[in-house]
Protein backbone atom coordinates (compact mmCIF):
# COMPACT_ATOMS: atom_id res chain seq x y z
CA VAL A 1 0.25 -12.84 -15.08
CA ARG A 2 1.35 -10.55 -12.29
CA GLY A 3 1.47 -6.82 -11.99
CA VAL A 4 0.63 -3.92 -9.75
CA MET A 5 -2.32 -1.58 -9.67
CA HIS A 6 -0.26 1.54 -9.13
CA CYS A 7 -1.86 4.19 -6.94
CA PHE A 8 -5.10 2.27 -6.44
CA VAL A 9 -7.74 4.92 -5.70
CA MET A 10 -10.89 2.87 -6.18
CA GLY A 11 -13.06 1.18 -3.61
CA PRO A 12 -13.72 -2.36 -2.46
CA ASP A 13 -16.15 -3.13 -5.28
CA GLU A 14 -13.35 -2.85 -7.85
CA LEU A 15 -10.88 -5.06 -5.95
CA PRO A 16 -12.09 -8.49 -7.16
CA PHE A 17 -11.49 -7.71 -10.83
CA TYR A 18 -7.85 -6.80 -10.25
CA LEU A 19 -7.20 -9.55 -7.73
CA GLU A 20 -8.63 -12.19 -10.08
CA ALA A 21 -6.30 -10.84 -12.77
CA GLY A 22 -3.35 -11.60 -10.47
CA MET A 23 -2.57 -8.00 -9.60
CA TYR A 24 -1.07 -6.62 -6.43
CA ILE A 25 -2.84 -3.56 -5.05
CA SER A 26 -0.71 -0.53 -4.14
CA PHE A 27 -2.09 2.23 -1.97
CA SER A 28 -0.64 5.74 -2.07
CA GLY A 29 -1.05 8.74 0.21
CA ILE A 30 -4.62 9.12 -1.06
CA VAL A 31 -5.69 6.38 1.36
CA THR A 32 -4.83 8.76 4.24
CA PHE A 33 -7.08 11.59 3.00
CA LYS A 34 -10.20 12.33 5.05
CA GLY A 35 -12.54 11.98 2.06
CA SER A 36 -11.16 8.61 0.94
CA GLN A 37 -13.43 6.27 2.89
CA SER A 38 -14.05 4.01 -0.10
CA ASN A 39 -10.32 3.67 -0.75
CA GLN A 40 -9.75 3.03 2.95
CA GLU A 41 -12.35 0.25 2.83
CA ALA A 42 -10.45 -1.26 -0.12
CA ALA A 43 -7.20 -1.12 1.90
CA LEU A 44 -9.00 -2.87 4.74
CA ARG A 45 -10.37 -5.63 2.49
CA CYS A 46 -7.32 -6.17 0.28
CA PRO A 47 -5.80 -9.61 0.96
CA GLU A 48 -2.58 -9.27 2.92
CA ASP A 49 -0.60 -11.24 0.34
CA ARG A 50 -1.47 -8.71 -2.39
CA LEU A 51 -1.09 -5.45 -0.46
CA LEU A 52 1.55 -2.81 -1.23
CA VAL A 53 2.07 0.83 -0.27
CA GLU A 54 3.83 3.49 -2.32
CA THR A 55 4.74 7.14 -2.37
CA ASP A 56 3.81 8.16 -5.93
CA ALA A 57 6.42 10.89 -5.39
CA PRO A 58 6.44 13.76 -6.08
CA PHE A 59 2.62 13.72 -5.96
CA LEU A 60 -0.09 12.75 -3.46
CA ALA A 61 1.75 13.24 -0.18
CA PRO A 62 -0.05 11.47 2.67
CA ALA A 63 -1.49 13.18 5.72
CA PRO A 64 0.13 14.94 7.57
CA HIS A 65 2.20 16.12 4.58
CA ARG A 66 -0.65 17.05 2.21
CA GLY A 67 0.25 19.96 -0.02
CA GLN A 68 3.97 19.22 0.21
CA ARG A 69 6.16 17.60 -2.39
CA ASN A 70 5.91 13.87 -1.72
CA GLU A 71 9.09 11.91 -1.10
CA PRO A 72 9.92 8.24 -0.46
CA ALA A 73 10.30 8.78 3.30
CA PHE A 74 6.58 9.59 3.46
CA CYS A 75 5.74 6.01 2.49
CA ALA A 76 6.16 5.23 6.19
CA ASP A 77 3.19 7.51 6.94
CA THR A 78 1.02 5.64 4.45
CA LEU A 79 2.16 2.32 5.90
CA ARG A 80 1.37 3.46 9.46
CA PHE A 81 -2.09 4.61 8.39
CA VAL A 82 -2.91 1.33 6.62
CA ALA A 83 -1.55 -0.73 9.53
CA GLU A 84 -3.77 1.16 11.97
CA LEU A 85 -6.74 0.84 9.64
CA ARG A 86 -6.20 -2.92 9.43
CA GLY A 87 -5.57 -3.30 13.17
CA THR A 88 -2.06 -4.64 12.76
CA SER A 89 1.39 -3.48 13.75
CA VAL A 90 3.58 -1.31 11.57
CA ASP A 91 6.35 -3.92 11.82
CA HIS A 92 4.04 -6.67 10.61
CA LEU A 93 2.71 -4.68 7.68
CA ALA A 94 6.21 -3.50 6.74
CA ARG A 95 7.37 -7.12 6.63
CA VAL A 96 4.32 -8.21 4.62
CA THR A 97 4.54 -5.42 2.04
CA THR A 98 8.29 -5.94 1.66
CA GLU A 99 7.75 -9.66 1.07
CA ASN A 100 4.98 -8.86 -1.42
CA ALA A 101 7.21 -6.44 -3.33
CA SER A 102 10.03 -8.99 -3.36
CA ARG A 103 7.70 -11.65 -4.75
CA LEU A 104 6.13 -9.30 -7.32
CA PHE A 105 9.41 -7.93 -8.66
CA GLY A 106 11.41 -11.17 -8.34
CA LEU A 107 13.78 -9.76 -5.71
CA PRO A 108 15.57 -11.97 -3.21
CA PRO A 109 13.83 -12.10 0.16
CA LEU A 110 15.34 -10.03 2.96
CA SER A 111 17.31 -11.82 5.63
CA ASP A 112 16.40 -11.28 9.28
CA GLY A 113 19.30 -8.81 9.63
CA GLN A 114 17.91 -6.65 6.78
CA ARG A 115 14.39 -6.31 8.18
């Protein structure tokens, strides 16, 4: 079984249940909100091979776009935030989350020229 926990807003205590069920964990703009420490801790603890980011457009725009209509381009802001939180580079996390999405949805992997 594989699937995605869309717009995961819970904390680290809930992660094991979904990971054991074979789910990927997708973080939305909520992870960037100042009051989302528990969700940020979950993003920090989520295994790299199960981590995704998403927009959830048109809702839940990440900081610094809170209050605006969310759009796919803002996913980069969520990715940057999670990369910084995890102490990794944006390029690394972009590659990892793209590979995870490809694996989850059965898409062909990107070639080096597409990255």
